[in-house]
Amino acid sequence: MERRDKTNYYLDLAEVVAQRGTCLRRKFGAVIVKNDEVVSTGYAGAPRGRQNCSDMGVCIRSKLQIPRGERYELCRSVHAEANAIISAARNQMLGATLYLCGVEVDTGDYVANSNSCSMCKRMIINAGITKVIVRDTKDTYREVDVEDWIVQDESLEGIFGY
């Protein structure tokens, strides 16, 4: 039996964490790892004490036919990355790697071209996480250098000639 490589091992953990998600569209799981130890995990779900979309049986973004990547402020969920960051001390995240896995609820497929939203990117930057690894298939993934997000400041797109 061939041993699973470390990157896919942590992505497998993120996929298991995603199963706890309560979103009716996509289940995301995040695992923060530093020095080969899991620091924290997070999945997408409503803030503590509020009803989850899965409990209510409705996703407001789906109901309003809001496309992927838009109007996240209407989403009831705290994203997986944010929940993982909230659950960790900053000194544990400095120089850490965040592993991210997203699964489409209706098909069970991995979320195509998955990436952190702009709000999560800002939190990842401020947490001091240096790399994000995103699952594309059961065995393939993309590595993102967080420094690229800092340099490619999407909050300036369309402003001041950027």
N, C-alpha and C. Protein backbone atom coordinates (compact mmCIF):
# COMPACT_ATOMS: atom_id res chain seq x y z
N MET A 1 0.84 -1.19 0.00
CA MET A 1 0.00 0.00 0.00
C MET A 1 0.89 1.25 0.00
N GLU A 2 0.54 2.18 -0.90
CA GLU A 2 1.32 3.40 -1.02
C GLU A 2 0.85 4.42 0.03
N ARG A 3 1.81 5.05 0.67
CA ARG A 3 1.53 6.01 1.72
C ARG A 3 1.09 7.35 1.11
N ARG A 4 0.05 7.95 1.67
CA ARG A 4 -0.48 9.23 1.20
C ARG A 4 0.54 10.33 1.47
N ASP A 5 0.75 11.22 0.47
CA ASP A 5 1.68 12.33 0.68
C ASP A 5 1.09 13.32 1.69
N LYS A 6 1.98 14.09 2.34
CA LYS A 6 1.57 14.99 3.42
C LYS A 6 0.55 16.03 2.98
N THR A 7 0.75 16.62 1.81
CA THR A 7 -0.17 17.66 1.36
C THR A 7 -1.58 17.10 1.21
N ASN A 8 -1.71 15.96 0.54
CA ASN A 8 -3.04 15.38 0.36
C ASN A 8 -3.60 14.86 1.69
N TYR A 9 -2.74 14.46 2.60
CA TYR A 9 -3.19 14.06 3.94
C TYR A 9 -3.92 15.23 4.61
N TYR A 10 -3.31 16.42 4.58
CA TYR A 10 -3.95 17.59 5.20
C TYR A 10 -5.18 18.03 4.41
N LEU A 11 -5.15 17.89 3.09
CA LEU A 11 -6.34 18.20 2.29
C LEU A 11 -7.46 17.19 2.58
N ASP A 12 -7.10 15.93 2.82
CA ASP A 12 -8.10 14.93 3.21
C ASP A 12 -8.76 15.33 4.53
N LEU A 13 -7.94 15.84 5.47
CA LEU A 13 -8.50 16.32 6.75
C LEU A 13 -9.47 17.48 6.50
N ALA A 14 -9.08 18.41 5.63
CA ALA A 14 -9.95 19.54 5.31
C ALA A 14 -11.26 19.05 4.69
N GLU A 15 -11.18 18.02 3.88
CA GLU A 15 -12.40 17.47 3.27
C GLU A 15 -13.32 16.84 4.32
N VAL A 16 -12.74 16.17 5.29
CA VAL A 16 -13.54 15.60 6.38
C VAL A 16 -14.17 16.72 7.21
N VAL A 17 -13.39 17.76 7.50
CA VAL A 17 -13.91 18.91 8.24
C VAL A 17 -15.08 19.54 7.49
N ALA A 18 -14.99 19.61 6.17
CA ALA A 18 -16.04 20.21 5.35
C ALA A 18 -17.38 19.50 5.54
N GLN A 19 -17.35 18.22 5.87
CA GLN A 19 -18.59 17.47 6.05
C GLN A 19 -19.45 18.01 7.18
N ARG A 20 -18.85 18.78 8.10
CA ARG A 20 -19.60 19.41 9.18
C ARG A 20 -20.31 20.68 8.71
N GLY A 21 -19.97 21.15 7.53
CA GLY A 21 -20.55 22.39 7.01
C GLY A 21 -22.06 22.33 6.90
N THR A 22 -22.70 23.49 7.01
CA THR A 22 -24.16 23.56 7.00
C THR A 22 -24.70 24.34 5.81
N CYS A 23 -23.82 24.73 4.90
CA CYS A 23 -24.24 25.46 3.70
C CYS A 23 -24.97 24.50 2.76
N LEU A 24 -25.99 25.00 2.12
CA LEU A 24 -26.76 24.19 1.18
C LEU A 24 -26.18 24.21 -0.23
N ARG A 25 -25.20 25.08 -0.49
CA ARG A 25 -24.59 25.18 -1.82
C ARG A 25 -23.25 24.45 -1.88
N ARG A 26 -22.36 24.81 -0.96
CA ARG A 26 -21.01 24.26 -0.98
C ARG A 26 -20.53 24.03 0.45
N LYS A 27 -19.85 22.92 0.65
CA LYS A 27 -19.26 22.63 1.95
C LYS A 27 -17.75 22.83 1.84
N PHE A 28 -17.24 23.73 2.68
CA PHE A 28 -15.81 24.00 2.71
C PHE A 28 -15.23 23.62 4.05
N GLY A 29 -14.01 23.10 4.00
CA GLY A 29 -13.27 22.81 5.22
C GLY A 29 -11.89 23.41 5.10
N ALA A 30 -11.38 23.91 6.23
CA ALA A 30 -10.04 24.50 6.26
C ALA A 30 -9.26 23.91 7.42
N VAL A 31 -7.99 23.68 7.21
CA VAL A 31 -7.09 23.18 8.24
C VAL A 31 -5.84 24.04 8.21
N ILE A 32 -5.48 24.59 9.36
CA ILE A 32 -4.26 25.38 9.47
C ILE A 32 -3.19 24.49 10.10
N VAL A 33 -2.03 24.44 9.44
CA VAL A 33 -0.93 23.57 9.87
C VAL A 33 0.35 24.39 9.99
N LYS A 34 1.07 24.19 11.09
CA LYS A 34 2.37 24.82 11.27
C LYS A 34 3.32 23.80 11.86
N ASN A 35 4.52 23.74 11.30
CA ASN A 35 5.53 22.80 11.76
C ASN A 35 5.00 21.37 11.81
N ASP A 36 4.22 21.02 10.80
CA ASP A 36 3.68 19.67 10.65
C ASP A 36 2.71 19.27 11.77
N GLU A 37 2.07 20.26 12.39
CA GLU A 37 1.04 20.01 13.40
C GLU A 37 -0.20 20.81 13.07
N VAL A 38 -1.36 20.19 13.24
CA VAL A 38 -2.62 20.88 13.01
C VAL A 38 -2.83 21.90 14.12
N VAL A 39 -3.02 23.15 13.71
CA VAL A 39 -3.25 24.24 14.65
C VAL A 39 -4.73 24.41 14.92
N SER A 40 -5.54 24.39 13.85
CA SER A 40 -6.99 24.53 14.01
C SER A 40 -7.70 24.08 12.74
N THR A 41 -9.00 23.95 12.85
CA THR A 41 -9.84 23.58 11.71
C THR A 41 -11.06 24.50 11.69
N GLY A 42 -11.70 24.58 10.54
CA GLY A 42 -12.92 25.36 10.43
C GLY A 42 -13.75 24.88 9.26
N TYR A 43 -15.05 25.04 9.40
CA TYR A 43 -15.98 24.73 8.30
C TYR A 43 -16.99 25.85 8.20
N ALA A 44 -17.70 25.91 7.08
CA ALA A 44 -18.68 26.97 6.85
C ALA A 44 -19.97 26.66 7.59
N GLY A 45 -20.43 27.63 8.38
CA GLY A 45 -21.68 27.48 9.10
C GLY A 45 -22.08 28.80 9.75
N ALA A 46 -23.33 28.91 10.12
CA ALA A 46 -23.84 30.14 10.73
C ALA A 46 -23.13 30.39 12.06
N PRO A 47 -23.08 31.66 12.48
CA PRO A 47 -22.49 31.97 13.79
C PRO A 47 -23.22 31.23 14.91
N ARG A 48 -22.50 30.95 15.97
CA ARG A 48 -23.08 30.24 17.12
C ARG A 48 -24.39 30.90 17.56
N GLY A 49 -25.38 30.08 17.79
CA GLY A 49 -26.66 30.58 18.26
C GLY A 49 -27.64 30.93 17.16
N ARG A 50 -27.17 31.07 15.94
CA ARG A 50 -28.07 31.37 14.82
C ARG A 50 -28.38 30.09 14.07
N GLN A 51 -29.53 30.07 13.42
CA GLN A 51 -29.90 28.90 12.63
C GLN A 51 -29.02 28.79 11.39
N ASN A 52 -28.66 27.56 11.07
CA ASN A 52 -27.91 27.28 9.85
C ASN A 52 -28.87 27.20 8.68
N CYS A 53 -28.34 27.43 7.49
CA CYS A 53 -29.15 27.28 6.28
C CYS A 53 -29.73 25.87 6.18
N SER A 54 -28.93 24.88 6.57
CA SER A 54 -29.40 23.49 6.51
C SER A 54 -30.57 23.26 7.47
N ASP A 55 -30.63 23.99 8.57
CA ASP A 55 -31.76 23.88 9.51
C ASP A 55 -32.99 24.59 8.97
N MET A 56 -32.76 25.72 8.28
CA MET A 56 -33.87 26.51 7.75
C MET A 56 -34.38 25.96 6.42
N GLY A 57 -33.53 25.19 5.74
CA GLY A 57 -33.91 24.62 4.46
C GLY A 57 -33.86 25.61 3.31
N VAL A 58 -33.16 26.71 3.49
CA VAL A 58 -33.06 27.71 2.43
C VAL A 58 -31.71 28.41 2.49
N CYS A 59 -31.17 28.67 1.30
CA CYS A 59 -29.97 29.50 1.15
C CYS A 59 -30.43 30.79 0.49
N ILE A 60 -30.26 31.90 1.17
CA ILE A 60 -30.75 33.17 0.65
C ILE A 60 -30.04 33.54 -0.65
N ARG A 61 -28.75 33.21 -0.77
CA ARG A 61 -28.02 33.54 -2.00
C ARG A 61 -28.55 32.72 -3.18
N SER A 62 -28.89 31.45 -2.92
CA SER A 62 -29.49 30.63 -3.99
C SER A 62 -30.88 31.15 -4.34
N LYS A 63 -31.66 31.47 -3.32
CA LYS A 63 -33.02 31.95 -3.54
C LYS A 63 -33.02 33.22 -4.39
N LEU A 64 -32.03 34.09 -4.16
CA LEU A 64 -31.93 35.34 -4.91
C LEU A 64 -31.11 35.18 -6.20
N GLN A 65 -30.68 33.95 -6.49
CA GLN A 65 -29.91 33.62 -7.68
C GLN A 65 -28.64 34.47 -7.80
N ILE A 66 -27.95 34.61 -6.69
CA ILE A 66 -26.70 35.38 -6.67
C ILE A 66 -25.58 34.46 -7.14
N PRO A 67 -24.82 34.89 -8.15
CA PRO A 67 -23.74 34.05 -8.68
C PRO A 67 -22.61 33.85 -7.67
N ARG A 68 -21.89 32.78 -7.87
CA ARG A 68 -20.71 32.47 -7.05
C ARG A 68 -19.75 33.66 -7.07
N GLY A 69 -19.21 33.98 -5.92
CA GLY A 69 -18.22 35.05 -5.81
C GLY A 69 -18.80 36.43 -5.59
N GLU A 70 -20.12 36.54 -5.47
CA GLU A 70 -20.75 37.84 -5.30
C GLU A 70 -21.61 37.88 -4.04
N ARG A 71 -21.70 39.07 -3.46
CA ARG A 71 -22.62 39.39 -2.36
C ARG A 71 -22.51 38.46 -1.14
N TYR A 72 -21.28 38.17 -0.74
CA TYR A 72 -21.08 37.29 0.42
C TYR A 72 -21.65 37.87 1.70
N GLU A 73 -21.88 39.18 1.73
CA GLU A 73 -22.45 39.76 2.94
C GLU A 73 -23.87 39.25 3.21
N LEU A 74 -24.51 38.69 2.21
CA LEU A 74 -25.86 38.13 2.39
C LEU A 74 -25.83 36.69 2.91
N CYS A 75 -24.66 36.07 2.90
CA CYS A 75 -24.52 34.68 3.34
C CYS A 75 -24.62 34.60 4.85
N ARG A 76 -25.35 33.61 5.36
CA ARG A 76 -25.48 33.41 6.81
C ARG A 76 -24.22 32.81 7.42
N SER A 77 -23.41 32.17 6.61
CA SER A 77 -22.27 31.40 7.13
C SER A 77 -21.04 32.25 7.41
N VAL A 78 -20.31 31.80 8.40
CA VAL A 78 -18.94 32.23 8.59
C VAL A 78 -18.13 31.22 7.78
N HIS A 79 -17.24 31.72 6.92
CA HIS A 79 -16.51 30.83 6.03
C HIS A 79 -15.52 29.95 6.80
N ALA A 80 -15.16 28.83 6.18
CA ALA A 80 -14.27 27.85 6.80
C ALA A 80 -12.94 28.47 7.21
N GLU A 81 -12.36 29.28 6.32
CA GLU A 81 -11.08 29.91 6.62
C GLU A 81 -11.19 30.81 7.85
N ALA A 82 -12.27 31.60 7.90
CA ALA A 82 -12.48 32.51 9.04
C ALA A 82 -12.65 31.72 10.34
N ASN A 83 -13.42 30.64 10.29
CA ASN A 83 -13.61 29.84 11.51
C ASN A 83 -12.30 29.20 11.97
N ALA A 84 -11.47 28.77 11.03
CA ALA A 84 -10.17 28.20 11.42
C ALA A 84 -9.29 29.27 12.04
N ILE A 85 -9.30 30.47 11.48
CA ILE A 85 -8.49 31.57 12.01
C ILE A 85 -8.98 31.99 13.39
N ILE A 86 -10.28 32.07 13.57
CA ILE A 86 -10.86 32.45 14.86
C ILE A 86 -10.45 31.47 15.96
N SER A 87 -10.24 30.22 15.59
CA SER A 87 -9.95 29.17 16.57
C SER A 87 -8.47 29.00 16.88
N ALA A 88 -7.62 29.86 16.33
CA ALA A 88 -6.18 29.70 16.53
C ALA A 88 -5.57 30.98 17.09
N ALA A 89 -4.50 30.81 17.84
CA ALA A 89 -3.73 31.96 18.33
C ALA A 89 -2.85 32.47 17.20
N ARG A 90 -2.66 33.79 17.13
CA ARG A 90 -1.89 34.36 16.01
C ARG A 90 -0.48 33.79 15.95
N ASN A 91 0.17 33.60 17.08
CA ASN A 91 1.54 33.09 17.03
C ASN A 91 1.60 31.69 16.44
N GLN A 92 0.49 30.95 16.49
CA GLN A 92 0.46 29.62 15.86
C GLN A 92 0.24 29.71 14.35
N MET A 93 -0.26 30.85 13.88
CA MET A 93 -0.55 30.99 12.46
C MET A 93 0.58 31.66 11.69
N LEU A 94 1.46 32.37 12.37
CA LEU A 94 2.56 33.06 11.69
C LEU A 94 3.43 32.04 10.96
N GLY A 95 3.47 32.15 9.64
CA GLY A 95 4.25 31.23 8.82
C GLY A 95 3.57 29.90 8.55
N ALA A 96 2.31 29.77 8.92
CA ALA A 96 1.57 28.51 8.75
C ALA A 96 1.02 28.38 7.32
N THR A 97 0.49 27.19 7.05
CA THR A 97 -0.17 26.88 5.78
C THR A 97 -1.63 26.57 6.06
N LEU A 98 -2.52 27.09 5.22
CA LEU A 98 -3.94 26.78 5.32
C LEU A 98 -4.30 25.86 4.16
N TYR A 99 -4.90 24.72 4.48
CA TYR A 99 -5.36 23.75 3.48
C TYR A 99 -6.87 23.92 3.34
N LEU A 100 -7.34 24.03 2.09
CA LEU A 100 -8.74 24.33 1.83
C LEU A 100 -9.34 23.33 0.85
N CYS A 101 -10.51 22.82 1.19
CA CYS A 101 -11.22 21.88 0.32
C CYS A 101 -12.69 22.28 0.26
N GLY A 102 -13.22 22.39 -0.95
CA GLY A 102 -14.63 22.70 -1.14
C GLY A 102 -15.32 21.63 -1.97
N VAL A 103 -16.55 21.30 -1.58
CA VAL A 103 -17.33 20.27 -2.27
C VAL A 103 -18.71 20.83 -2.58
N GLU A 104 -19.14 20.64 -3.83
CA GLU A 104 -20.49 21.05 -4.24
C GLU A 104 -21.51 20.14 -3.57
N VAL A 105 -22.51 20.71 -2.91
CA VAL A 105 -23.50 19.91 -2.20
C VAL A 105 -24.33 19.07 -3.16
N ASP A 106 -24.76 19.66 -4.28
CA ASP A 106 -25.68 18.94 -5.18
C ASP A 106 -25.03 17.81 -5.97
N THR A 107 -23.71 17.90 -6.24
CA THR A 107 -23.06 16.87 -7.06
C THR A 107 -22.01 16.05 -6.31
N GLY A 108 -21.47 16.60 -5.23
CA GLY A 108 -20.38 15.94 -4.52
C GLY A 108 -19.03 16.17 -5.18
N ASP A 109 -19.00 16.94 -6.27
CA ASP A 109 -17.75 17.27 -6.95
C ASP A 109 -16.98 18.31 -6.16
N TYR A 110 -15.66 18.34 -6.39
CA TYR A 110 -14.86 19.41 -5.79
C TYR A 110 -15.23 20.72 -6.47
N VAL A 111 -15.23 21.81 -5.71
CA VAL A 111 -15.55 23.12 -6.26
C VAL A 111 -14.47 23.50 -7.27
N ALA A 112 -14.88 23.74 -8.49
CA ALA A 112 -13.94 24.07 -9.57
C ALA A 112 -13.33 25.44 -9.35
N ASN A 113 -12.03 25.53 -9.57
CA ASN A 113 -11.30 26.81 -9.44
C ASN A 113 -11.56 27.48 -8.10
N SER A 114 -11.63 26.69 -7.08
CA SER A 114 -11.91 27.20 -5.74
C SER A 114 -10.82 28.15 -5.27
N ASN A 115 -11.22 29.13 -4.49
CA ASN A 115 -10.28 30.08 -3.93
C ASN A 115 -10.97 30.77 -2.75
N SER A 116 -10.19 31.37 -1.90
CA SER A 116 -10.76 32.13 -0.79
C SER A 116 -11.39 33.42 -1.34
N CYS A 117 -12.48 33.85 -0.72
CA CYS A 117 -13.11 35.11 -1.11
C CYS A 117 -12.22 36.27 -0.64
N SER A 118 -12.54 37.47 -1.08
CA SER A 118 -11.70 38.63 -0.75
C SER A 118 -11.67 38.90 0.76
N MET A 119 -12.78 38.66 1.45
CA MET A 119 -12.80 38.87 2.90
C MET A 119 -11.88 37.87 3.60
N CYS A 120 -11.94 36.61 3.19
CA CYS A 120 -11.09 35.59 3.80
C CYS A 120 -9.62 35.82 3.46
N LYS A 121 -9.36 36.29 2.24
CA LYS A 121 -7.98 36.61 1.87
C LYS A 121 -7.39 37.64 2.82
N ARG A 122 -8.17 38.67 3.13
CA ARG A 122 -7.68 39.71 4.06
C ARG A 122 -7.40 39.13 5.44
N MET A 123 -8.25 38.23 5.90
CA MET A 123 -8.03 37.60 7.21
C MET A 123 -6.80 36.70 7.20
N ILE A 124 -6.63 35.96 6.12
CA ILE A 124 -5.46 35.08 5.98
C ILE A 124 -4.18 35.91 5.99
N ILE A 125 -4.19 37.02 5.26
CA ILE A 125 -3.03 37.91 5.25
C ILE A 125 -2.73 38.41 6.66
N ASN A 126 -3.74 38.93 7.35
CA ASN A 126 -3.53 39.48 8.69
C ASN A 126 -3.15 38.43 9.72
N ALA A 127 -3.58 37.20 9.51
CA ALA A 127 -3.24 36.11 10.46
C ALA A 127 -1.77 35.73 10.36
N GLY A 128 -1.11 36.10 9.27
CA GLY A 128 0.29 35.75 9.10
C GLY A 128 0.51 34.40 8.43
N ILE A 129 -0.56 33.83 7.88
CA ILE A 129 -0.46 32.58 7.13
C ILE A 129 0.28 32.89 5.83
N THR A 130 1.23 32.04 5.45
CA THR A 130 2.06 32.36 4.28
C THR A 130 1.70 31.57 3.02
N LYS A 131 0.96 30.47 3.18
CA LYS A 131 0.63 29.66 2.01
C LYS A 131 -0.76 29.08 2.17
N VAL A 132 -1.49 29.01 1.05
CA VAL A 132 -2.80 28.36 1.01
C VAL A 132 -2.73 27.28 -0.06
N ILE A 133 -3.15 26.09 0.30
CA ILE A 133 -3.18 24.97 -0.65
C ILE A 133 -4.63 24.57 -0.85
N VAL A 134 -5.06 24.58 -2.11
CA VAL A 134 -6.46 24.36 -2.46
C VAL A 134 -6.60 23.07 -3.25
N ARG A 135 -7.50 22.21 -2.82
CA ARG A 135 -7.75 20.94 -3.51
C ARG A 135 -8.52 21.16 -4.80
N ASP A 136 -8.02 20.55 -5.88
CA ASP A 136 -8.72 20.56 -7.17
C ASP A 136 -9.37 19.20 -7.46
N THR A 137 -8.65 18.12 -7.19
CA THR A 137 -9.17 16.76 -7.33
C THR A 137 -8.69 15.98 -6.11
N LYS A 138 -9.04 14.72 -6.05
CA LYS A 138 -8.63 13.89 -4.91
C LYS A 138 -7.11 13.85 -4.73
N ASP A 139 -6.37 14.04 -5.81
CA ASP A 139 -4.91 13.96 -5.72
C ASP A 139 -4.17 15.19 -6.21
N THR A 140 -4.88 16.20 -6.73
CA THR A 140 -4.19 17.39 -7.23
C THR A 140 -4.65 18.63 -6.48
N TYR A 141 -3.78 19.62 -6.49
CA TYR A 141 -4.04 20.83 -5.73
C TYR A 141 -3.21 21.97 -6.29
N ARG A 142 -3.55 23.18 -5.84
CA ARG A 142 -2.81 24.38 -6.20
C ARG A 142 -2.23 25.00 -4.94
N GLU A 143 -1.03 25.54 -5.06
CA GLU A 143 -0.41 26.24 -3.94
C GLU A 143 -0.43 27.73 -4.25
N VAL A 144 -0.89 28.51 -3.27
CA VAL A 144 -0.95 29.96 -3.42
C VAL A 144 -0.01 30.58 -2.39
N ASP A 145 0.88 31.43 -2.86
CA ASP A 145 1.74 32.20 -1.98
C ASP A 145 0.95 33.43 -1.54
N VAL A 146 0.68 33.56 -0.26
CA VAL A 146 -0.15 34.66 0.24
C VAL A 146 0.47 36.02 -0.12
N GLU A 147 1.76 36.07 -0.26
CA GLU A 147 2.43 37.32 -0.67
C GLU A 147 1.86 37.81 -2.00
N ASP A 148 1.46 36.89 -2.89
CA ASP A 148 0.86 37.28 -4.17
C ASP A 148 -0.45 38.05 -3.94
N TRP A 149 -1.22 37.66 -2.93
CA TRP A 149 -2.47 38.37 -2.63
C TRP A 149 -2.18 39.77 -2.12
N ILE A 150 -1.08 39.92 -1.42
CA ILE A 150 -0.71 41.24 -0.91
C ILE A 150 -0.33 42.15 -2.07
N VAL A 151 0.50 41.62 -2.97
CA VAL A 151 0.97 42.40 -4.12
C VAL A 151 -0.17 42.71 -5.08
N GLN A 152 -1.02 41.72 -5.34
CA GLN A 152 -2.14 41.88 -6.27
C GLN A 152 -3.37 42.35 -5.50
N ASP A 153 -3.32 43.51 -4.96
CA ASP A 153 -4.36 44.05 -4.08
C ASP A 153 -5.67 44.24 -4.85
N GLU A 154 -6.55 43.24 -4.78
CA GLU A 154 -7.80 43.30 -5.55
C GLU A 154 -8.73 44.40 -5.07
N SER A 155 -8.50 44.94 -3.87
CA SER A 155 -9.37 46.01 -3.40
C SER A 155 -9.14 47.31 -4.17
N LEU A 156 -8.02 47.37 -4.94
CA LEU A 156 -7.73 48.56 -5.75
C LEU A 156 -8.12 48.41 -7.21
N GLU A 157 -8.66 47.24 -7.58
CA GLU A 157 -9.03 47.01 -8.98
C GLU A 157 -10.08 48.04 -9.41
N GLY A 158 -9.81 48.69 -10.51
CA GLY A 158 -10.75 49.68 -11.06
C GLY A 158 -10.64 51.04 -10.39
N ILE A 159 -9.72 51.17 -9.42
CA ILE A 159 -9.57 52.44 -8.71
C ILE A 159 -8.17 52.99 -9.01
N PHE A 160 -8.09 54.28 -9.23
CA PHE A 160 -6.80 54.94 -9.46
C PHE A 160 -6.03 54.34 -10.62
N GLY A 161 -6.72 53.83 -11.63
CA GLY A 161 -6.05 53.29 -12.80
C GLY A 161 -5.43 51.92 -12.61
N TYR A 162 -5.69 51.25 -11.48
CA TYR A 162 -5.14 49.91 -11.25
C TYR A 162 -5.89 48.89 -12.07
